[in-house]
N, C-alpha and C. Protein backbone atom coordinates (compact mmCIF):
# COMPACT_ATOMS: atom_id res chain seq x y z
N MET A 1 -24.07 2.57 35.05
CA MET A 1 -24.56 3.05 33.76
C MET A 1 -23.46 2.98 32.70
N ASP A 2 -22.22 3.26 33.08
CA ASP A 2 -21.12 3.18 32.13
C ASP A 2 -20.92 1.77 31.60
N GLN A 3 -21.11 0.78 32.46
CA GLN A 3 -20.93 -0.60 32.02
C GLN A 3 -21.99 -1.00 31.01
N PHE A 4 -23.21 -0.51 31.20
CA PHE A 4 -24.28 -0.81 30.25
C PHE A 4 -23.97 -0.21 28.89
N ILE A 5 -23.49 1.02 28.86
CA ILE A 5 -23.15 1.67 27.59
C ILE A 5 -22.00 0.95 26.92
N PHE A 6 -21.00 0.55 27.71
CA PHE A 6 -19.87 -0.18 27.15
C PHE A 6 -20.32 -1.52 26.57
N ALA A 7 -21.18 -2.23 27.29
CA ALA A 7 -21.68 -3.53 26.80
C ALA A 7 -22.49 -3.34 25.52
N ALA A 8 -23.29 -2.28 25.47
CA ALA A 8 -24.09 -2.01 24.27
C ALA A 8 -23.17 -1.70 23.09
N GLU A 9 -22.11 -0.95 23.32
CA GLU A 9 -21.16 -0.64 22.25
C GLU A 9 -20.46 -1.90 21.74
N VAL A 10 -20.08 -2.78 22.66
CA VAL A 10 -19.40 -4.01 22.26
C VAL A 10 -20.33 -4.88 21.43
N VAL A 11 -21.58 -5.00 21.86
CA VAL A 11 -22.54 -5.81 21.11
C VAL A 11 -22.79 -5.20 19.74
N LEU A 12 -22.95 -3.90 19.68
CA LEU A 12 -23.20 -3.22 18.41
C LEU A 12 -22.00 -3.35 17.47
N ASN A 13 -20.81 -3.22 18.01
CA ASN A 13 -19.60 -3.39 17.18
C ASN A 13 -19.51 -4.81 16.63
N GLY A 14 -19.85 -5.79 17.45
CA GLY A 14 -19.83 -7.18 16.99
C GLY A 14 -20.85 -7.43 15.89
N LEU A 15 -22.03 -6.86 16.05
CA LEU A 15 -23.06 -7.02 15.02
C LEU A 15 -22.65 -6.35 13.72
N MET A 16 -22.09 -5.16 13.80
CA MET A 16 -21.68 -4.46 12.59
C MET A 16 -20.53 -5.20 11.89
N THR A 17 -19.62 -5.77 12.65
CA THR A 17 -18.55 -6.55 12.05
C THR A 17 -19.11 -7.78 11.34
N GLY A 18 -20.06 -8.43 11.96
CA GLY A 18 -20.70 -9.59 11.34
C GLY A 18 -21.43 -9.22 10.06
N VAL A 19 -22.09 -8.07 10.06
CA VAL A 19 -22.79 -7.61 8.86
C VAL A 19 -21.79 -7.35 7.74
N MET A 20 -20.66 -6.75 8.07
CA MET A 20 -19.66 -6.47 7.04
C MET A 20 -19.11 -7.77 6.44
N TYR A 21 -18.82 -8.77 7.29
CA TYR A 21 -18.35 -10.06 6.79
C TYR A 21 -19.41 -10.72 5.92
N ALA A 22 -20.67 -10.62 6.32
CA ALA A 22 -21.75 -11.22 5.54
C ALA A 22 -21.88 -10.55 4.17
N LEU A 23 -21.72 -9.24 4.10
CA LEU A 23 -21.80 -8.54 2.82
C LEU A 23 -20.65 -8.92 1.90
N VAL A 24 -19.46 -9.05 2.45
CA VAL A 24 -18.31 -9.46 1.64
C VAL A 24 -18.53 -10.88 1.12
N ALA A 25 -19.01 -11.77 1.97
CA ALA A 25 -19.26 -13.15 1.55
C ALA A 25 -20.34 -13.19 0.48
N LEU A 26 -21.38 -12.39 0.64
CA LEU A 26 -22.45 -12.34 -0.36
C LEU A 26 -21.91 -11.84 -1.71
N GLY A 27 -21.01 -10.87 -1.66
CA GLY A 27 -20.40 -10.39 -2.89
C GLY A 27 -19.60 -11.47 -3.59
N PHE A 28 -18.83 -12.25 -2.83
CA PHE A 28 -18.07 -13.35 -3.43
C PHE A 28 -19.00 -14.38 -4.04
N VAL A 29 -20.07 -14.70 -3.34
CA VAL A 29 -21.02 -15.70 -3.85
C VAL A 29 -21.64 -15.22 -5.15
N LEU A 30 -22.05 -13.96 -5.19
CA LEU A 30 -22.68 -13.45 -6.41
C LEU A 30 -21.70 -13.41 -7.57
N ILE A 31 -20.45 -13.03 -7.30
CA ILE A 31 -19.45 -12.97 -8.37
C ILE A 31 -19.18 -14.37 -8.92
N PHE A 32 -18.96 -15.34 -8.05
CA PHE A 32 -18.63 -16.67 -8.53
C PHE A 32 -19.83 -17.35 -9.16
N LYS A 33 -21.03 -17.06 -8.67
CA LYS A 33 -22.23 -17.62 -9.28
C LYS A 33 -22.40 -17.07 -10.70
N ARG A 34 -22.16 -15.80 -10.86
CA ARG A 34 -22.28 -15.17 -12.18
C ARG A 34 -21.21 -15.72 -13.13
N ARG A 35 -20.01 -15.89 -12.60
CA ARG A 35 -18.92 -16.41 -13.44
C ARG A 35 -19.22 -17.84 -13.89
N ALA A 36 -19.75 -18.65 -13.01
CA ALA A 36 -20.07 -20.04 -13.36
C ALA A 36 -21.18 -20.10 -14.39
N SER A 37 -22.17 -19.24 -14.28
CA SER A 37 -23.28 -19.29 -15.23
C SER A 37 -22.87 -18.73 -16.58
N SER A 38 -21.86 -17.88 -16.63
CA SER A 38 -21.45 -17.33 -17.92
C SER A 38 -20.47 -18.25 -18.65
N THR A 39 -19.75 -19.10 -17.93
CA THR A 39 -18.80 -19.99 -18.60
C THR A 39 -19.44 -21.30 -19.01
N MET A 40 -20.53 -21.69 -18.36
CA MET A 40 -21.15 -22.97 -18.69
C MET A 40 -21.70 -22.99 -20.12
N PRO A 41 -22.43 -21.99 -20.59
CA PRO A 41 -22.93 -22.06 -21.96
C PRO A 41 -21.82 -22.11 -23.01
N LYS A 42 -20.71 -21.43 -22.77
CA LYS A 42 -19.61 -21.47 -23.73
C LYS A 42 -19.07 -22.89 -23.85
N GLY A 43 -18.88 -23.56 -22.74
CA GLY A 43 -18.40 -24.93 -22.77
C GLY A 43 -19.41 -25.86 -23.40
N PHE A 44 -20.67 -25.64 -23.16
CA PHE A 44 -21.72 -26.47 -23.73
C PHE A 44 -21.72 -26.35 -25.24
N TRP A 45 -21.66 -25.13 -25.77
CA TRP A 45 -21.70 -24.95 -27.22
C TRP A 45 -20.44 -25.47 -27.87
N ARG A 46 -19.32 -25.32 -27.19
CA ARG A 46 -18.07 -25.82 -27.76
C ARG A 46 -18.10 -27.33 -27.91
N CYS A 47 -18.65 -28.02 -26.92
CA CYS A 47 -18.66 -29.48 -26.95
C CYS A 47 -19.75 -30.02 -27.86
N SER A 48 -20.84 -29.30 -28.04
CA SER A 48 -21.97 -29.85 -28.79
C SER A 48 -21.84 -29.61 -30.29
N ARG A 49 -20.87 -28.81 -30.75
CA ARG A 49 -20.76 -28.52 -32.18
C ARG A 49 -19.84 -29.49 -32.91
N ARG A 50 -19.40 -30.51 -32.30
CA ARG A 50 -18.47 -31.46 -32.94
C ARG A 50 -19.09 -32.19 -34.08
């Protein structure tokens, strides 16, 4: 019974670690996506007003 509990804890810890990495990666994606969409219109207007 102890081995089953230990195995369940290891699996749960692995899943929680994966979830944390996924959330951090999602945060980076959202930040860089937002940054790219906010800088594109500025460059477009700067180039088109010549």
